[in-house]
Amino acid sequence: MWGVIDDSAEEPLNELWGLFKPDGDVSWQHKALCAQTDPEAFFPEKGGSTRDAKRVCAKCEVREQCLKWAIDHDERFGIWGGMSERERRRYKKEHREQA
C-alpha cells in the first residue's frame, strides 16, 4: 500500500515510520487503577484539580512502574504515577542533579 509499510511483514502497522515500536513490558498497565476510573480525572483542564487522580494513584499497586514509564517517555500530559507533568519535570531535574 503506497510503499509506506511492508505489507508482507507479520505486523505491518508496527513498522509504520517506526512509530509503533514495541515498548518493553507494559503488562503493568492492566493492573493500573486508572484504567478502571474516569480518564478525565487524569487529564484535567489547565488549573483544574488533580486531587482525585492522585488519590487513585496513591492506592495503585503499579504506581512506580507508571511513574517510571512517564519519565522515561517524557510524558507531557496528565497524571502518571501520582505526579503532574510539572512535578515529573522537577523530580527528573532533582534526580539528574544527584547523579
Protein backbone atom coordinates (compact mmCIF):
# COMPACT_ATOMS: atom_id res chain seq x y z
CA MET A 1 0.00 0.00 0.00
CA TRP A 2 1.78 3.12 -1.31
CA GLY A 3 5.14 1.71 -0.18
CA VAL A 4 4.85 3.25 3.28
CA ILE A 5 4.84 -0.07 5.11
CA ASP A 6 5.99 -3.56 4.29
CA ASP A 7 2.71 -5.38 3.63
CA SER A 8 4.46 -8.72 3.89
CA ALA A 9 5.55 -8.10 7.49
CA GLU A 10 3.83 -10.05 10.27
CA GLU A 11 2.72 -6.82 11.97
CA PRO A 12 2.86 -4.23 9.17
CA LEU A 13 1.44 -1.36 11.19
CA ASN A 14 4.21 -1.76 13.77
CA GLU A 15 6.64 -0.67 11.09
CA LEU A 16 4.76 2.47 10.05
CA TRP A 17 7.54 5.07 10.11
CA GLY A 18 8.95 3.43 13.24
CA LEU A 19 6.22 4.99 15.36
CA PHE A 20 4.86 1.79 16.84
CA LYS A 21 7.94 0.02 18.10
CA PRO A 22 7.46 -2.46 20.93
CA ASP A 23 7.91 -0.67 24.25
CA GLY A 24 9.12 -3.39 26.54
CA ASP A 25 6.93 -4.90 29.21
CA VAL A 26 3.82 -2.80 29.75
CA SER A 27 1.76 -5.59 31.32
CA TRP A 28 1.63 -3.44 34.47
CA GLN A 29 -0.90 -1.23 32.67
CA HIS A 30 -3.55 -3.94 33.03
CA LYS A 31 -3.27 -3.65 36.81
CA ALA A 32 -3.49 0.16 36.85
CA LEU A 33 -6.44 1.52 38.81
CA CYS A 34 -6.74 4.46 36.43
CA ALA A 35 -7.85 2.04 33.72
CA GLN A 36 -10.92 1.38 35.84
CA THR A 37 -11.82 5.03 36.51
CA ASP A 38 -12.79 8.17 34.64
CA PRO A 39 -9.85 9.15 32.39
CA GLU A 40 -10.82 12.82 32.54
CA ALA A 41 -9.64 12.93 36.16
CA PHE A 42 -6.11 12.17 34.95
CA PHE A 43 -6.10 14.88 32.29
CA PRO A 44 -7.64 17.93 33.97
CA GLU A 45 -8.05 21.27 32.23
CA LYS A 46 -5.31 23.80 32.94
CA GLY A 47 -5.74 24.93 36.51
CA GLY A 48 -8.11 22.03 37.27
CA SER A 49 -7.80 19.84 40.33
CA THR A 50 -5.52 16.80 40.26
CA ARG A 51 -6.64 15.64 43.70
CA ASP A 52 -8.97 12.83 42.58
CA ALA A 53 -6.41 11.34 40.19
CA LYS A 54 -3.65 11.48 42.78
CA ARG A 55 -5.92 9.79 45.30
CA VAL A 56 -6.41 6.88 42.86
CA CYS A 57 -2.66 6.72 42.19
CA ALA A 58 -1.88 6.58 45.90
CA LYS A 59 -3.78 3.27 46.14
CA CYS A 60 -2.42 1.79 42.91
CA GLU A 61 -0.05 -1.19 43.03
CA VAL A 62 1.73 -0.19 39.81
CA ARG A 63 2.34 3.47 40.66
CA GLU A 64 6.13 3.15 40.48
CA GLN A 65 6.09 1.45 37.07
CA CYS A 66 3.68 4.10 35.81
CA LEU A 67 5.86 6.97 37.03
CA LYS A 68 8.98 5.39 35.56
CA TRP A 69 7.26 4.92 32.21
CA ALA A 70 6.09 8.56 32.16
CA ILE A 71 9.57 9.85 33.00
CA ASP A 72 11.34 7.52 30.56
CA HIS A 73 8.97 8.59 27.76
CA ASP A 74 8.92 12.28 28.66
CA GLU A 75 5.13 12.19 29.03
CA ARG A 76 3.95 15.79 28.97
CA PHE A 77 0.28 15.47 29.78
CA GLY A 78 -1.76 14.06 32.61
CA ILE A 79 -1.21 12.49 35.99
CA TRP A 80 1.11 9.49 35.84
CA GLY A 81 2.38 7.65 38.90
CA GLY A 82 0.75 10.24 41.13
CA MET A 83 2.61 13.21 39.65
CA SER A 84 1.65 16.03 37.34
CA GLU A 85 3.83 16.98 34.38
CA ARG A 86 5.36 19.84 36.42
CA GLU A 87 6.09 17.50 39.34
CA ARG A 88 7.68 14.95 37.00
CA ARG A 89 9.92 17.64 35.48
CA ARG A 90 11.05 18.72 38.94
CA TYR A 91 11.60 15.09 40.01
CA LYS A 92 13.62 14.39 36.87
CA LYS A 93 15.73 17.52 37.36
CA GLU A 94 16.43 16.73 41.03
CA HIS A 95 17.46 13.16 40.24
CA ARG A 96 19.62 14.25 37.31
CA GLU A 97 21.50 16.65 39.61
CA GLN A 98 22.07 13.87 42.17
CA ALA A 99 23.58 11.57 39.54
